C-alpha atoms as a PDB file:
ATOM      1  CA  MET A   1     148.125 260.672  34.835  1.00  0.00           C
ATOM      2  CA  GLN A   2     146.063 257.758  34.538  1.00  0.00           C
ATOM      3  CA  GLN A   3     143.655 257.366  31.721  1.00  0.00           C
ATOM      4  CA  GLY A   4     140.258 256.204  32.079  1.00  0.00           C
ATOM      5  CA  SER A   5     137.509 256.217  29.178  1.00  0.00           C
ATOM      6  CA  GLU A   6     133.667 257.181  28.531  1.00  0.00           C
ATOM      7  CA  LYS A   7     131.553 255.889  25.492  1.00  0.00           C
ATOM      8  CA  TYR A   8     132.865 259.005  23.716  1.00  0.00           C
ATOM      9  CA  ALA A   9     135.402 260.974  25.656  1.00  0.00           C
ATOM     10  CA  ASP A  10     138.691 260.058  27.735  1.00  0.00           C
ATOM     11  CA  ILE A  11     139.233 261.112  31.018  1.00  0.00           C
ATOM     12  CA  PHE A  12     141.984 261.574  33.273  1.00  0.00           C
ATOM     13  CA  LYS A  13     142.776 261.577  36.810  1.00  0.00           C
ATOM     14  CA  ALA A  14     145.616 263.523  37.418  1.00  0.00           C
ATOM     15  CA  PHE A  15     147.580 265.720  40.999  1.00  0.00           C
ATOM     16  CA  ARG A  16     147.824 269.102  41.200  1.00  0.00           C
ATOM     17  CA  VAL A  17     151.621 270.465  41.377  1.00  0.00           C
ATOM     18  CA  ARG A  18     150.968 272.275  44.475  1.00  0.00           C
ATOM     19  CA  GLY A  19     149.441 270.334  47.092  1.00  0.00           C
ATOM     20  CA  PHE A  20     149.011 267.261  45.143  1.00  0.00           C
ATOM     21  CA  LYS A  21     145.232 267.157  44.926  1.00  0.00           C
ATOM     22  CA  ALA A  22     143.689 264.676  42.634  1.00  0.00           C
ATOM     23  CA  CYS A  23     141.354 266.168  39.903  1.00  0.00           C
ATOM     24  CA  ILE A  24     139.840 264.957  36.908  1.00  0.00           C
ATOM     25  CA  ILE A  25     140.489 266.281  33.059  1.00  0.00           C
ATOM     26  CA  ARG A  26     138.191 265.867  30.714  1.00  0.00           C
ATOM     27  CA  PRO A  27     139.694 267.136  26.998  1.00  0.00           C
ATOM     28  CA  ALA A  28     136.758 268.846  25.018  1.00  0.00           C
ATOM     29  CA  LYS A  29     137.660 266.821  21.785  1.00  0.00           C
ATOM     30  CA  GLU A  30     133.959 266.361  20.378  1.00  0.00           C
ATOM     31  CA  VAL A  31     132.265 269.320  21.121  1.00  0.00           C
ATOM     32  CA  GLY A  32     132.323 272.803  18.878  1.00  0.00           C
ATOM     33  CA  ARG A  33     133.523 276.040  20.552  1.00  0.00           C
ATOM     34  CA  SER A  34     130.102 277.464  21.587  1.00  0.00           C
ATOM     35  CA  GLY A  35     128.975 274.509  22.901  1.00  0.00           C
ATOM     36  CA  VAL A  36     132.371 274.274  25.353  1.00  0.00           C
ATOM     37  CA  GLU A  37     131.495 277.818  26.037  1.00  0.00           C
ATOM     38  CA  GLN A  38     128.233 276.976  27.134  1.00  0.00           C
ATOM     39  CA  GLU A  39     129.000 274.221  29.069  1.00  0.00           C
ATOM     40  CA  ILE A  40     131.669 276.224  31.234  1.00  0.00           C
ATOM     41  CA  LYS A  41     128.864 278.970  31.402  1.00  0.00           C
ATOM     42  CA  ILE A  42     126.154 276.626  32.910  1.00  0.00           C
ATOM     43  CA  LEU A  43     128.721 274.972  35.115  1.00  0.00           C
ATOM     44  CA  ARG A  44     129.889 278.175  36.599  1.00  0.00           C
ATOM     45  CA  CYS A  45     126.382 279.218  37.231  1.00  0.00           C
ATOM     46  CA  LEU A  46     125.470 276.094  38.973  1.00  0.00           C
ATOM     47  CA  LYS A  47     128.882 275.885  40.988  1.00  0.00           C
ATOM     48  CA  GLY A  48     127.788 274.756  44.933  1.00  0.00           C
ATOM     49  CA  GLY A  49     124.423 273.465  43.668  1.00  0.00           C
ATOM     50  CA  PRO A  50     123.279 269.731  44.748  1.00  0.00           C
ATOM     51  CA  ASN A  51     124.189 266.819  42.146  1.00  0.00           C
ATOM     52  CA  ILE A  52     126.789 269.095  40.125  1.00  0.00           C
ATOM     53  CA  LEU A  53     130.264 268.246  39.675  1.00  0.00           C
ATOM     54  CA  GLU A  54     132.327 271.316  40.061  1.00  0.00           C
ATOM     55  CA  LEU A  55     134.583 272.773  37.222  1.00  0.00           C
ATOM     56  CA  GLU A  56     137.714 273.791  39.514  1.00  0.00           C
ATOM     57  CA  ASN A  57     139.306 275.151  36.096  1.00  0.00           C
ATOM     58  CA  ILE A  58     139.916 275.221  32.250  1.00  0.00           C
ATOM     59  CA  ILE A  59     143.429 274.221  30.533  1.00  0.00           C
ATOM     60  CA  ARG A  60     144.165 274.752  27.171  1.00  0.00           C
ATOM     61  CA  ASP A  61     146.752 272.919  24.864  1.00  0.00           C
ATOM     62  CA  ASN A  62     149.585 275.047  23.821  1.00  0.00           C
ATOM     63  CA  GLN A  63     149.681 274.656  20.448  1.00  0.00           C
ATOM     64  CA  MET A  64     146.320 273.348  19.363  1.00  0.00           C
ATOM     65  CA  GLY A  65     144.386 275.704  22.102  1.00  0.00           C
ATOM     66  CA  THR A  66     141.981 272.885  22.849  1.00  0.00           C
ATOM     67  CA  PRO A  67     140.333 273.361  26.067  1.00  0.00           C
ATOM     68  CA  SER A  68     140.078 270.593  28.826  1.00  0.00           C
ATOM     69  CA  LEU A  69     138.241 270.674  31.827  1.00  0.00           C
ATOM     70  CA  VAL A  70     139.162 270.285  35.263  1.00  0.00           C
ATOM     71  CA  PHE A  71     136.578 268.895  37.845  1.00  0.00           C
ATOM     72  CA  GLU A  72     136.625 268.093  40.888  1.00  0.00           C
ATOM     73  CA  CYS A  73     137.701 264.397  42.276  1.00  0.00           C
ATOM     74  CA  VAL A  74     134.899 262.054  43.004  1.00  0.00           C
ATOM     75  CA  GLU A  75     135.764 258.614  44.064  1.00  0.00           C
ATOM     76  CA  ASN A  76     133.153 257.003  41.690  1.00  0.00           C
ATOM     77  CA  ILE A  77     132.206 253.301  41.846  1.00  0.00           C
ATOM     78  CA  ASP A  78     131.417 251.545  38.796  1.00  0.00           C
ATOM     79  CA  PHE A  79     127.695 251.030  38.561  1.00  0.00           C
ATOM     80  CA  ARG A  80     128.036 247.115  37.611  1.00  0.00           C
ATOM     81  CA  PRO A  81     129.605 245.847  41.101  1.00  0.00           C
ATOM     82  CA  LEU A  82     127.897 248.819  42.658  1.00  0.00           C
ATOM     83  CA  TYR A  83     123.965 248.623  42.004  1.00  0.00           C
ATOM     84  CA  PRO A  84     123.924 244.917  42.878  1.00  0.00           C
ATOM     85  CA  THR A  85     125.051 245.979  46.219  1.00  0.00           C
ATOM     86  CA  PHE A  86     121.722 248.164  47.230  1.00  0.00           C
ATOM     87  CA  GLY A  87     119.404 247.384  49.729  1.00  0.00           C
ATOM     88  CA  ASN A  88     115.830 249.250  49.641  1.00  0.00           C
ATOM     89  CA  GLU A  89     117.262 252.141  51.176  1.00  0.00           C
ATOM     90  CA  ASP A  90     119.930 252.758  48.763  1.00  0.00           C
ATOM     91  CA  ALA A  91     117.597 252.056  45.398  1.00  0.00           C
ATOM     92  CA  GLY A  92     115.107 254.804  46.863  1.00  0.00           C
ATOM     93  CA  TYR A  93     117.547 257.192  48.164  1.00  0.00           C
ATOM     94  CA  TYR A  94     119.628 257.285  44.660  1.00  0.00           C
ATOM     95  CA  MET A  95     116.822 257.505  42.489  1.00  0.00           C
ATOM     96  CA  ARG A  96     115.197 260.194  44.501  1.00  0.00           C
ATOM     97  CA  GLU A  97     118.815 262.101  43.998  1.00  0.00           C
ATOM     98  CA  LEU A  98     118.456 261.242  40.175  1.00  0.00           C
ATOM     99  CA  LEU A  99     115.334 262.395  39.694  1.00  0.00           C
ATOM    100  CA  ASN A 100     116.415 265.733  40.493  1.00  0.00           C
ATOM    101  CA  ILE A 101     119.038 265.871  37.610  1.00  0.00           C
ATOM    102  CA  MET A 102     117.890 267.230  34.402  1.00  0.00           C
ATOM    103  CA  HIS A 103     120.243 266.328  31.790  1.00  0.00           C
ATOM    104  CA  ARG A 104     118.891 264.779  28.716  1.00  0.00           C
ATOM    105  CA  ASN A 105     121.150 262.039  28.821  1.00  0.00           C
ATOM    106  CA  VAL A 106     120.946 260.480  32.064  1.00  0.00           C
ATOM    107  CA  ARG A 107     122.898 256.666  32.137  1.00  0.00           C
ATOM    108  CA  PRO A 108     124.880 254.841  34.321  1.00  0.00           C
ATOM    109  CA  HIS A 109     127.937 256.410  32.653  1.00  0.00           C
ATOM    110  CA  ASN A 110     127.283 259.847  33.243  1.00  0.00           C
ATOM    111  CA  ILE A 111     126.374 259.548  36.715  1.00  0.00           C
ATOM    112  CA  MET A 112     129.258 259.288  39.550  1.00  0.00           C
ATOM    113  CA  ILE A 113     128.186 257.719  43.222  1.00  0.00           C
ATOM    114  CA  ASP A 114     130.910 258.312  45.663  1.00  0.00           C
ATOM    115  CA  HIS A 115     129.032 255.925  47.935  1.00  0.00           C
ATOM    116  CA  SER A 116     131.147 256.073  50.997  1.00  0.00           C
ATOM    117  CA  ARG A 117     129.648 259.466  51.281  1.00  0.00           C
ATOM    118  CA  ARG A 118     126.259 258.971  49.568  1.00  0.00           C
ATOM    119  CA  LYS A 119     126.935 261.548  46.505  1.00  0.00           C
ATOM    120  CA  GLU A 120     125.156 261.492  43.316  1.00  0.00           C
ATOM    121  CA  TYR A 121     127.050 263.539  40.584  1.00  0.00           C
ATOM    122  CA  ALA A 122     126.517 264.634  37.175  1.00  0.00           C
ATOM    123  CA  GLU A 123     127.700 266.764  34.381  1.00  0.00           C
ATOM    124  CA  VAL A 124     125.352 268.997  32.559  1.00  0.00           C
ATOM    125  CA  TYR A 125     124.313 268.692  28.611  1.00  0.00           C
ATOM    126  CA  VAL A 126     124.555 271.907  26.526  1.00  0.00           C
ATOM    127  CA  PRO A 127     121.184 272.982  25.513  1.00  0.00           C
ATOM    128  CA  GLY A 128     120.375 273.884  21.963  1.00  0.00           C
ATOM    129  CA  SER A 129     123.169 271.465  20.911  1.00  0.00           C
ATOM    130  CA  ARG A 130     122.407 268.454  18.511  1.00  0.00           C
ATOM    131  CA  TYR A 131     121.467 265.534  20.459  1.00  0.00           C
ATOM    132  CA  SER A 132     123.330 262.460  19.292  1.00  0.00           C
ATOM    133  CA  VAL A 133     121.803 259.118  18.665  1.00  0.00           C
ATOM    134  CA  ARG A 134     124.897 256.845  18.285  1.00  0.00           C
ATOM    135  CA  VAL A 135     123.234 253.771  19.908  1.00  0.00           C
ATOM    136  CA  GLY A 136     125.786 252.119  22.273  1.00  0.00           C
ATOM    137  CA  GLN A 137     125.143 248.250  23.499  1.00  0.00           C
ATOM    138  CA  GLY A 138     124.678 248.838  26.780  1.00  0.00           C
ATOM    139  CA  PHE A 139     121.812 251.392  27.323  1.00  0.00           C
ATOM    140  CA  ALA A 140     118.734 252.091  25.165  1.00  0.00           C
ATOM    141  CA  LYS A 141     118.098 255.646  24.395  1.00  0.00           C
ATOM    142  CA  ALA A 142     114.077 256.459  24.432  1.00  0.00           C
ATOM    143  CA  PRO A 143     112.260 255.451  22.135  1.00  0.00           C
ATOM    144  CA  GLU A 144     111.340 258.593  20.285  1.00  0.00           C
ATOM    145  CA  LEU A 145     114.834 259.164  19.760  1.00  0.00           C
ATOM    146  CA  LEU A 146     115.303 255.751  18.395  1.00  0.00           C
ATOM    147  CA  LEU A 147     112.510 256.826  15.828  1.00  0.00           C
ATOM    148  CA  GLN A 148     114.163 259.966  14.840  1.00  0.00           C
ATOM    149  CA  HIS A 149     111.456 262.195  16.197  1.00  0.00           C
ATOM    150  CA  GLU A 150     113.077 265.235  17.108  1.00  0.00           C
ATOM    151  CA  GLU A 151     110.488 266.899  19.412  1.00  0.00           C
ATOM    152  CA  TYR A 152     111.646 265.768  22.530  1.00  0.00           C
ATOM    153  CA  ASP A 153     111.816 267.469  26.144  1.00  0.00           C
ATOM    154  CA  CYS A 154     112.605 266.240  29.892  1.00  0.00           C
ATOM    155  CA  SER A 155     110.516 263.103  29.458  1.00  0.00           C
ATOM    156  CA  LEU A 156     113.865 261.812  28.121  1.00  0.00           C
ATOM    157  CA  ASP A 157     115.362 261.918  31.801  1.00  0.00           C
ATOM    158  CA  MET A 158     112.019 259.986  32.660  1.00  0.00           C
ATOM    159  CA  TRP A 159     112.954 257.170  30.456  1.00  0.00           C
ATOM    160  CA  ASN A 160     116.722 257.053  31.526  1.00  0.00           C
ATOM    161  CA  ALA A 161     115.366 257.000  35.045  1.00  0.00           C
ATOM    162  CA  GLY A 162     113.149 253.971  34.479  1.00  0.00           C
ATOM    163  CA  VAL A 163     115.722 251.935  32.949  1.00  0.00           C
ATOM    164  CA  ILE A 164     118.311 252.501  35.619  1.00  0.00           C
ATOM    165  CA  PHE A 165     115.682 252.036  37.973  1.00  0.00           C
ATOM    166  CA  CYS A 166     115.206 248.789  36.389  1.00  0.00           C
ATOM    167  CA  LEU A 167     118.864 247.745  36.533  1.00  0.00           C
ATOM    168  CA  ILE A 168     118.867 248.508  40.148  1.00  0.00           C
ATOM    169  CA  ILE A 169     115.619 246.724  41.350  1.00  0.00           C
ATOM    170  CA  PHE A 170     115.801 243.456  39.030  1.00  0.00           C
ATOM    171  CA  ARG A 171     119.703 243.328  38.926  1.00  0.00           C
ATOM    172  CA  LYS A 172     119.487 242.826  35.522  1.00  0.00           C
ATOM    173  CA  GLU A 173     122.505 244.682  32.962  1.00  0.00           C
ATOM    174  CA  PRO A 174     122.037 245.768  30.415  1.00  0.00           C
ATOM    175  CA  PHE A 175     117.770 245.564  30.630  1.00  0.00           C
ATOM    176  CA  PHE A 176     117.387 246.398  26.781  1.00  0.00           C
ATOM    177  CA  HIS A 177     120.433 245.430  24.567  1.00  0.00           C
ATOM    178  CA  GLY A 178     121.230 245.581  21.088  1.00  0.00           C
ATOM    179  CA  ALA A 179     123.096 246.862  18.234  1.00  0.00           C
ATOM    180  CA  SER A 180     121.161 249.387  16.813  1.00  0.00           C
ATOM    181  CA  SER A 181     118.170 251.206  16.806  1.00  0.00           C
ATOM    182  CA  PHE A 182     116.213 248.497  15.145  1.00  0.00           C
ATOM    183  CA  ASP A 183     117.317 245.797  17.970  1.00  0.00           C
ATOM    184  CA  PHE A 184     116.710 248.440  20.991  1.00  0.00           C
ATOM    185  CA  LEU A 185     113.136 249.047  19.155  1.00  0.00           C
ATOM    186  CA  GLN A 186     112.471 245.597  19.395  1.00  0.00           C
ATOM    187  CA  MET A 187     114.208 244.642  22.591  1.00  0.00           C
ATOM    188  CA  ILE A 188     112.075 247.516  24.155  1.00  0.00           C
ATOM    189  CA  ALA A 189     108.441 245.885  22.154  1.00  0.00           C
ATOM    190  CA  SER A 190     109.485 242.461  23.546  1.00  0.00           C
ATOM    191  CA  VAL A 191     108.692 244.255  27.125  1.00  0.00           C
ATOM    192  CA  LEU A 192     106.455 246.868  26.828  1.00  0.00           C
ATOM    193  CA  GLY A 193     104.413 245.204  23.523  1.00  0.00           C
ATOM    194  CA  SER A 194     104.129 246.102  20.083  1.00  0.00           C
ATOM    195  CA  LYS A 195     100.540 248.624  20.695  1.00  0.00           C
ATOM    196  CA  GLY A 196     102.199 251.231  22.343  1.00  0.00           C
ATOM    197  CA  LEU A 197     104.926 251.610  19.546  1.00  0.00           C
ATOM    198  CA  LEU A 198     102.324 251.342  16.966  1.00  0.00           C
ATOM    199  CA  ASN A 199     100.065 254.039  18.537  1.00  0.00           C
ATOM    200  CA  SER A 200     103.028 256.552  19.218  1.00  0.00           C
ATOM    201  CA  VAL A 201     104.107 256.099  15.393  1.00  0.00           C
ATOM    202  CA  LYS A 202     100.527 257.258  13.609  1.00  0.00           C
ATOM    203  CA  LYS A 203      99.614 259.991  16.929  1.00  0.00           C
ATOM    204  CA  TYR A 204     102.922 261.870  16.291  1.00  0.00           C
ATOM    205  CA  ASP A 205     103.055 260.912  12.400  1.00  0.00           C
ATOM    206  CA  ILE A 206     106.493 259.280  12.456  1.00  0.00           C
ATOM    207  CA  GLU A 207     107.541 257.998   9.001  1.00  0.00           C
ATOM    208  CA  THR A 208     108.758 254.344   9.309  1.00  0.00           C
ATOM    209  CA  THR A 209     110.250 251.982   6.368  1.00  0.00           C
ATOM    210  CA  PRO A 210     109.998 248.368   5.594  1.00  0.00           C
ATOM    211  CA  ASP A 211     113.204 248.071   7.626  1.00  0.00           C
ATOM    212  CA  ASP A 212     112.386 249.176  10.783  1.00  0.00           C
ATOM    213  CA  VAL A 213     109.181 249.419  12.645  1.00  0.00           C
ATOM    214  CA  ASP A 214     107.163 247.260  10.221  1.00  0.00           C
ATOM    215  CA  ALA A 215     109.761 244.800  10.398  1.00  0.00           C
ATOM    216  CA  ILE A 216     108.979 244.433  14.398  1.00  0.00           C
ATOM    217  CA  PRO A 217     107.284 241.096  15.346  1.00  0.00           C
ATOM    218  CA  TYR A 218     104.002 241.918  16.905  1.00  0.00           C
ATOM    219  CA  PHE A 219     104.657 241.431  20.720  1.00  0.00           C
ATOM    220  CA  GLU A 220     102.071 241.103  23.700  1.00  0.00           C
ATOM    221  CA  LYS A 221     103.207 243.485  26.749  1.00  0.00           C
ATOM    222  CA  ARG A 222     105.143 241.692  29.225  1.00  0.00           C
ATOM    223  CA  ASP A 223     104.050 241.606  33.058  1.00  0.00           C
ATOM    224  CA  TRP A 224     106.748 243.281  35.118  1.00  0.00           C
ATOM    225  CA  ARG A 225     106.459 240.769  37.381  1.00  0.00           C
ATOM    226  CA  SER A 226     107.937 238.069  35.223  1.00  0.00           C
ATOM    227  CA  PHE A 227     111.175 239.721  35.556  1.00  0.00           C
ATOM    228  CA  VAL A 228     110.677 238.982  39.841  1.00  0.00           C
ATOM    229  CA  ASP A 229     112.879 236.101  40.929  1.00  0.00           C
ATOM    230  CA  GLU A 230     114.626 235.163  44.245  1.00  0.00           C
ATOM    231  CA  ARG A 231     117.667 237.429  43.221  1.00  0.00           C
ATOM    232  CA  ASN A 232     115.731 240.478  43.332  1.00  0.00           C
ATOM    233  CA  GLU A 233     112.294 240.268  45.311  1.00  0.00           C
ATOM    234  CA  GLN A 234     113.329 242.096  47.791  1.00  0.00           C
ATOM    235  CA  LEU A 235     113.832 245.187  45.962  1.00  0.00           C
ATOM    236  CA  SER A 236     111.110 244.296  43.473  1.00  0.00           C
ATOM    237  CA  SER A 237     108.343 245.996  45.837  1.00  0.00           C
ATOM    238  CA  HIS A 238     104.710 246.262  44.042  1.00  0.00           C
ATOM    239  CA  GLU A 239     105.186 250.321  44.449  1.00  0.00           C
ATOM    240  CA  ALA A 240     108.590 249.731  42.696  1.00  0.00           C
ATOM    241  CA  VAL A 241     107.251 247.769  39.858  1.00  0.00           C
ATOM    242  CA  ASP A 242     104.363 250.661  39.296  1.00  0.00           C
ATOM    243  CA  LEU A 243     106.791 253.078  39.082  1.00  0.00           C
ATOM    244  CA  VAL A 244     109.086 251.618  36.609  1.00  0.00           C
ATOM    245  CA  ASN A 245     105.700 251.058  34.588  1.00  0.00           C
ATOM    246  CA  LYS A 246     104.722 254.660  34.928  1.00  0.00           C
ATOM    247  CA  LEU A 247     107.855 255.951  34.006  1.00  0.00           C
ATOM    248  CA  LEU A 248     109.002 253.360  30.882  1.00  0.00           C
ATOM    249  CA  GLN A 249     105.706 254.320  28.369  1.00  0.00           C
ATOM    250  CA  TRP A 250     106.333 254.736  24.797  1.00  0.00           C
ATOM    251  CA  ASP A 251     104.268 257.697  24.720  1.00  0.00           C
ATOM    252  CA  HIS A 252     106.746 260.330  26.081  1.00  0.00           C
ATOM    253  CA  LYS A 253     103.546 262.446  26.893  1.00  0.00           C
ATOM    254  CA  GLN A 254     102.316 259.292  29.434  1.00  0.00           C
ATOM    255  CA  ARG A 255     105.695 259.395  31.317  1.00  0.00           C
ATOM    256  CA  LEU A 256     105.526 260.484  34.790  1.00  0.00           C
ATOM    257  CA  THR A 257     106.795 263.823  35.206  1.00  0.00           C
ATOM    258  CA  VAL A 258     109.179 264.643  38.038  1.00  0.00           C
ATOM    259  CA  THR A 259     107.199 265.857  40.139  1.00  0.00           C
ATOM    260  CA  GLU A 260     104.732 262.735  40.073  1.00  0.00           C
ATOM    261  CA  ALA A 261     107.451 260.131  40.222  1.00  0.00           C
ATOM    262  CA  LEU A 262     108.988 261.834  43.519  1.00  0.00           C
ATOM    263  CA  ASN A 263     105.237 261.942  45.152  1.00  0.00           C
ATOM    264  CA  HIS A 264     104.955 258.382  43.726  1.00  0.00           C
ATOM    265  CA  PRO A 265     104.188 255.447  46.746  1.00  0.00           C
ATOM    266  CA  ASN A 266     107.540 253.977  46.435  1.00  0.00           C
ATOM    267  CA  PHE A 267     109.069 256.920  48.068  1.00  0.00           C
ATOM    268  CA  SER A 268     106.765 257.087  50.869  1.00  0.00           C
END
């Protein structure tokens, strides 16, 4: 078996003894028993659905009984070398596919693209489970999570889809970067401006301390066109930039819904 890794899990590429068919094995290490059972149930219900990684089998460790999920093998290409190769048609195609995936943790690391087959896959999340707000340096979670605002919905996915679209059309990775929630909030404020942040904190009565929001300098909103240069101008059309602007909103209730996004002129 060949081992790879995600941010918080190990994955293995393996081959079946019979037929030597390739598959992917993901040990369920950090999820409780009920969470694993829910994920298995959801994957079985969605079997054969579009953009869903197929669960082929479940195996268990003989000593500990720890389950591992066996998925179909996808010839995934890492997003870092892949996204810069996209043209306008690719960017629009994969963005449309992405908007049909409700995941709660949409990020490049959780999306597999077999570009040779123009197929995009994602694993599903476990509903009702506790959401982890662990912050990695490669991808900014939605502001409401960074602010510890617990009332979130599918608008989380719309934020993450917007960040991924930024990576693609502006060819800037990571688009937002930082080592902590404070760093990410400050970086987001430097682009979206501080006014929206302060308005959201007030609107949703979010508690802050002198060490978080109050310590962020005041920024004016930056013009999205300022990210356009000779490297990305072909992808950064007026419609594409407008879609990014309407997805990346401080207030989660102001972001486009899936239906509104799919009907956006960028996909005409």
